[in-house]
Protein backbone atom coordinates (compact mmCIF):
# COMPACT_ATOMS: atom_id res chain seq x y z
CA MET A 1 -8.39 -2.28 -43.51
CA CYS A 2 -6.09 -0.47 -41.11
CA ALA A 3 -5.20 -2.19 -37.88
CA GLU A 4 -7.04 -0.87 -34.85
CA ARG A 5 -4.98 1.75 -33.07
CA VAL A 6 -3.87 0.62 -29.60
CA ARG A 7 -4.64 3.17 -26.92
CA ARG A 8 -1.67 4.15 -24.78
CA PRO A 9 -2.13 3.18 -21.11
CA GLU A 10 -2.82 6.04 -18.70
CA GLY A 11 0.10 7.00 -16.49
CA GLU A 12 3.86 7.26 -16.59
CA LEU A 13 6.45 4.50 -16.60
CA THR A 14 8.06 3.96 -13.20
CA ARG A 15 11.65 2.94 -12.57
CA GLY A 16 10.38 -0.57 -11.97
CA THR A 17 12.78 -1.44 -9.16
CA THR A 18 11.52 -4.10 -6.77
CA ASN A 19 12.70 -6.83 -4.47
CA PRO A 20 11.20 -10.03 -3.05
CA ASN A 21 9.16 -9.34 0.10
CA ARG A 22 9.40 -5.58 -0.45
CA LEU A 23 5.61 -5.29 -0.08
CA ARG A 24 5.11 -8.07 2.48
CA ARG A 25 3.85 -5.71 5.20
CA GLN A 26 1.21 -4.25 2.92
CA ASP A 27 0.22 -7.67 1.54
CA LEU A 28 -0.37 -9.09 5.01
CA TRP A 29 -2.29 -5.99 6.11
CA MET A 30 -4.60 -6.24 3.09
CA ALA A 31 -5.13 -9.95 3.67
CA ALA A 32 -6.11 -9.23 7.28
CA THR A 33 -8.27 -6.13 6.79
CA THR A 34 -9.87 -6.29 3.33
CA ARG A 35 -13.11 -8.19 2.94
CA LEU A 36 -12.95 -9.67 -0.51
CA PRO A 37 -16.11 -11.07 -2.12
CA PRO A 38 -16.23 -14.50 -3.76
CA GLU A 39 -14.14 -14.62 -6.95
CA ALA A 40 -12.73 -11.19 -6.15
CA LEU A 41 -10.72 -9.37 -8.80
CA VAL A 42 -7.53 -7.71 -7.53
CA VAL A 43 -5.16 -5.48 -9.50
CA ASP A 44 -1.48 -5.02 -8.72
CA LEU A 45 -0.96 -1.73 -10.54
CA GLY A 46 2.57 -0.96 -11.69
CA TYR A 47 4.26 -4.09 -10.31
CA GLY A 48 7.62 -3.19 -11.87
CA ALA A 49 10.34 -4.86 -13.87
CA SER A 50 9.88 -8.16 -11.99
CA PRO A 51 6.54 -9.90 -11.40
CA VAL A 52 7.59 -10.94 -7.88
CA THR A 53 5.33 -8.53 -5.96
CA ALA A 54 2.26 -9.57 -7.95
CA VAL A 55 3.07 -13.26 -7.36
CA GLU A 56 3.51 -12.64 -3.63
CA LEU A 57 0.27 -10.64 -3.44
CA TYR A 58 -1.57 -13.48 -5.18
CA THR A 59 -0.06 -16.08 -2.82
CA ARG A 60 -0.91 -14.14 0.34
CA LEU A 61 -4.45 -13.23 -0.67
CA ARG A 62 -5.16 -16.84 -1.64
CA THR A 63 -4.67 -17.83 1.99
CA VAL A 64 -7.83 -15.87 2.90
CA ARG A 65 -9.72 -15.99 -0.42
CA PRO A 66 -8.73 -19.13 -2.38
CA ASP A 67 -10.72 -18.11 -5.47
CA VAL A 68 -9.21 -14.63 -5.81
CA ARG A 69 -8.02 -13.47 -9.24
CA VAL A 70 -5.01 -11.17 -9.47
CA VAL A 71 -4.04 -9.17 -12.55
CA GLY A 72 -0.67 -7.47 -12.69
CA LEU A 73 -0.78 -4.32 -14.82
CA GLU A 74 2.21 -2.54 -16.32
CA ILE A 75 2.57 0.20 -18.91
CA SER A 76 5.66 -1.44 -20.40
CA GLN A 77 4.93 -4.31 -22.76
CA ASP A 78 8.45 -5.63 -22.10
CA ARG A 79 7.59 -5.99 -18.41
CA VAL A 80 4.34 -7.73 -19.25
CA ASP A 81 6.16 -10.12 -21.58
CA ALA A 82 8.72 -10.92 -18.87
CA ALA A 83 5.95 -11.64 -16.35
CA ARG A 84 4.13 -13.89 -18.82
CA SER A 85 7.38 -15.73 -19.48
CA PHE A 86 7.66 -16.38 -15.75
CA LEU A 87 4.16 -17.89 -15.77
CA ALA A 88 4.80 -20.04 -18.83
CA GLY A 89 4.64 -23.65 -17.68
CA ARG A 90 3.57 -22.59 -14.18
CA GLN A 91 -0.13 -21.87 -14.81
CA ASP A 92 -1.21 -24.85 -12.72
CA ALA A 93 0.67 -23.40 -9.73
CA TYR A 94 -0.92 -19.95 -10.12
CA PRO A 95 -4.48 -20.34 -11.36
CA GLY A 96 -6.14 -16.96 -11.58
CA LEU A 97 -2.90 -14.96 -11.87
CA THR A 98 -2.44 -13.04 -15.14
CA PHE A 99 -0.50 -10.07 -16.47
CA ALA A 100 -1.60 -7.39 -18.93
CA ARG A 101 -0.58 -4.04 -20.32
CA GLY A 102 -2.43 -1.14 -18.77
CA GLY A 103 -2.40 1.81 -16.41
CA PHE A 104 -4.86 3.95 -14.50
CA GLU A 105 -7.67 3.03 -16.90
CA LEU A 106 -7.60 -0.48 -15.33
CA PRO A 107 -8.34 -2.58 -18.44
CA VAL A 108 -9.23 -5.78 -16.58
CA GLY A 109 -12.69 -6.61 -17.91
CA ARG A 110 -14.74 -5.48 -14.93
CA PRO A 111 -14.37 -3.09 -11.99
CA PRO A 112 -11.85 -4.58 -9.54
CA ASP A 113 -12.60 -5.21 -5.87
CA LEU A 114 -9.11 -4.22 -4.74
CA VAL A 115 -6.38 -2.17 -6.40
CA ARG A 116 -2.89 -2.02 -4.92
CA ALA A 117 -0.69 0.82 -6.21
CA ALA A 118 2.67 0.71 -4.46
CA ASN A 119 5.47 3.14 -5.31
CA VAL A 120 3.55 4.28 -8.37
CA LEU A 121 2.79 7.94 -7.59
CA ARG A 122 6.20 9.02 -6.27
CA GLN A 123 7.08 10.81 -9.50
CA TYR A 124 3.80 12.73 -9.71
CA ASP A 125 3.12 16.12 -8.15
CA GLU A 126 0.66 16.46 -5.31
CA GLU A 127 -2.31 17.63 -7.39
CA ALA A 128 -1.81 14.82 -9.91
CA ALA A 129 -1.74 12.32 -7.03
CA TRP A 130 -5.08 13.59 -5.72
CA LEU A 131 -6.59 13.34 -9.21
CA THR A 132 -5.23 9.80 -9.64
CA TRP A 133 -6.77 8.74 -6.33
CA GLU A 134 -10.12 10.03 -7.56
CA ARG A 135 -9.75 8.41 -10.98
CA LEU A 136 -8.91 4.99 -9.54
CA ARG A 137 -11.66 5.09 -6.92
CA GLU A 138 -14.23 5.80 -9.62
CA ARG A 139 -13.21 2.56 -11.34
CA LEU A 140 -13.63 0.30 -8.32
CA ALA A 141 -16.39 -2.25 -7.94
CA PRO A 142 -19.07 -1.40 -5.34
CA GLY A 143 -17.48 -1.93 -1.94
CA GLY A 144 -14.00 -1.95 -3.50
CA THR A 145 -10.82 -0.43 -2.08
CA LEU A 146 -7.71 1.26 -3.42
CA VAL A 147 -4.56 0.85 -1.33
CA GLU A 148 -1.84 3.32 -2.31
CA GLY A 149 1.50 3.87 -0.63
CA THR A 150 5.26 4.00 -0.71
CA CYS A 151 8.03 1.95 0.85
CA ASP A 152 11.81 1.78 0.86
CA GLU A 153 13.72 -0.57 -1.40
CA ILE A 154 13.61 -3.57 0.94
CA GLY A 155 10.28 -2.91 2.65
CA ARG A 156 11.46 -1.88 6.11
CA ARG A 157 9.52 1.40 6.09
CA HIS A 158 6.12 1.72 4.50
CA VAL A 159 3.15 4.11 4.63
CA TRP A 160 -0.12 3.48 2.83
CA VAL A 161 -3.64 4.85 2.58
CA ALA A 162 -6.82 2.77 2.13
CA LEU A 163 -9.39 4.45 -0.08
CA PRO A 164 -12.85 3.00 -0.56
CA GLU A 165 -15.22 4.53 -3.12
CA ASP A 166 -16.12 7.54 -0.99
CA GLY A 167 -12.55 8.69 -0.29
CA PRO A 168 -9.53 8.10 1.96
CA ALA A 169 -10.43 6.13 5.09
CA THR A 170 -7.25 5.10 6.93
CA ILE A 171 -3.51 5.70 6.90
CA THR A 172 -1.07 3.07 8.15
CA PHE A 173 2.56 3.48 9.20
CA ALA A 174 4.55 0.23 9.21
CA ALA A 175 8.19 -0.42 9.95
CA SER A 176 10.77 -2.96 10.94
CA VAL A 177 11.19 -1.43 14.38
CA ALA A 178 14.53 -3.15 14.86
CA HIS A 179 15.88 -0.89 12.10
CA LEU A 180 13.96 2.28 13.00
CA PRO A 181 16.07 5.13 14.43
CA LYS A 182 12.91 7.10 15.23
CA PRO A 183 9.32 7.03 13.92
CA SER A 184 9.65 10.28 11.95
CA ALA A 185 12.03 8.40 9.64
CA LEU A 186 8.80 7.17 8.04
CA ALA A 187 8.13 10.72 6.81
CA GLU A 188 10.08 10.10 3.61
CA ARG A 189 7.61 7.31 2.77
CA LEU A 190 4.47 9.42 3.15
CA PRO A 191 2.09 9.30 0.15
CA LYS A 192 2.52 12.12 -2.34
CA THR A 193 -0.64 13.77 -1.06
CA LEU A 194 1.04 14.23 2.34
CA ILE A 195 4.79 14.25 1.88
CA HIS A 196 5.00 17.98 1.26
CA ARG A 197 2.69 18.66 4.23
CA ASN A 198 5.16 17.46 6.83
CA VAL A 199 5.69 21.01 8.06
CA PRO A 200 4.64 22.87 11.23
CA GLY A 201 0.94 23.63 11.23
CA GLU A 202 -0.04 20.40 9.46
CA ALA A 203 -1.51 17.43 11.33
CA VAL A 204 0.93 14.87 9.92
CA HIS A 205 3.87 16.90 11.21
CA ALA A 206 2.30 17.16 14.66
CA PHE A 207 1.62 13.41 14.73
CA LEU A 208 5.16 12.42 13.74
CA THR A 209 6.58 14.89 16.29
CA ASP A 210 4.43 13.38 19.03
CA LEU A 211 5.31 9.87 17.87
CA ASP A 212 9.03 10.68 18.16
CA ARG A 213 8.44 12.05 21.65
CA ALA A 214 6.59 8.90 22.69
CA TRP A 215 9.39 6.78 21.18
CA ALA A 216 11.96 8.66 23.24
CA THR A 217 9.89 8.28 26.40
CA ALA A 218 9.59 4.54 25.75
CA ALA A 219 13.37 4.11 25.45
CA PRO A 220 13.65 2.17 28.76
CA GLN A 221 11.53 -0.57 27.16
CA SER A 222 14.41 -1.20 24.73
CA VAL A 223 15.96 -3.58 27.24
CA PHE A 224 13.09 -5.93 26.36
CA GLY A 225 13.58 -5.43 22.62
CA PRO A 226 12.49 -2.92 19.96
CA ARG A 227 9.06 -4.49 19.66
CA GLN A 228 8.26 -3.75 23.30
CA ARG A 229 9.48 -0.20 22.81
CA TRP A 230 7.13 0.19 19.84
CA LEU A 231 4.19 -1.22 21.79
CA ALA A 232 4.85 1.26 24.60
CA THR A 233 5.08 4.05 22.02
CA VAL A 234 1.72 3.21 20.51
CA GLU A 235 0.10 2.86 23.92
CA GLN A 236 1.29 6.37 24.76
CA ILE A 237 0.39 8.03 21.45
CA ARG A 238 -3.15 6.66 21.44
CA ARG A 239 -3.94 8.77 24.49
CA THR A 240 -3.82 11.92 22.36
CA TRP A 241 -4.38 10.67 18.80
CA PRO A 242 -7.29 8.54 17.43
CA VAL A 243 -5.21 5.42 16.83
CA LEU A 244 -7.42 2.52 15.75
CA THR A 245 -7.36 0.05 18.61
CA ARG A 246 -9.70 -2.74 17.53
CA PRO A 247 -9.19 -5.53 15.01
CA PRO A 248 -8.74 -5.80 12.15
CA TYR A 249 -6.94 -2.42 11.97
CA GLY A 250 -5.57 -2.08 15.46
CA GLY A 251 -4.80 -3.81 18.73
CA VAL A 252 -1.68 -5.49 20.08
CA ARG A 253 -1.65 -8.12 17.35
CA ARG A 254 -1.15 -5.49 14.65
CA TRP A 255 1.04 -3.19 16.73
CA ARG A 256 3.45 -6.05 17.35
CA LEU A 257 4.05 -6.06 13.59
CA GLY A 258 5.37 -2.51 13.77
CA GLU A 259 2.12 -0.92 12.57
CA VAL A 260 -0.09 1.92 13.67
CA THR A 261 -3.25 2.93 11.79
CA LEU A 262 -5.29 6.11 12.13
CA PRO A 263 -8.37 7.52 10.41
CA TRP A 264 -7.28 9.53 7.39
CA ASP A 265 -9.15 12.59 8.64
CA ALA A 266 -6.84 12.79 11.65
CA LEU A 267 -3.85 13.57 9.40
CA ALA A 268 -5.54 15.01 6.30
CA PRO A 269 -3.79 18.11 4.94
CA ARG A 270 -5.26 21.57 5.06
CA ARG A 271 -6.73 22.17 1.60
């Protein structure tokens, strides 16, 4: 009898570059804003050549949901083998953390409650990114969420979108404000569905332009530190844009982290 043919995972292999704490901002945001059910199943999709981001996601989510299960998925079997080698002998320290080969088909046994796809769609064109959003949302558990975004190599600039089953809900800009020359520097980290829309006439371009203007106006606050300048910037921009101002997505506690979150519809591209 012939061996069963193994189906190739859906998606394309990424470069796989990663660094410890690269996705810390996104991890902490998900831990604070995502309501995970008991024994939630979470997927770290395309974690890269090192399992470090999946391990960190597991560790941070376990602080709010101690029974969470996290599965790291990668297209490359070599990357899966390396991650499993890391876990060998450490299973007692990471109960509920596993690694498997897979892609957008999400072969994890049941629909996941949360899928994190970070720096996965950068190499896709805009239409393929929209289709991938739809494909992944269709595979979520009821009440589940997809969080997709892009960050720089060390995690100082990050933009992500939260997508429940019925479509994009919020977009979050997050930065180390001490290393931010101006807010529009985050434009290069926009999701693929928006990055080519940062042109006059599109909402995301108008928002980043206004955010730069507010940042410049708040320059006198720099004497009290970059965090105070950022807080003054957000206070000013929320007068004209629908910045989320209440927990868990908004308010001073989140803004102090260098974040600002808006409803997706406020920046959605013209289609």
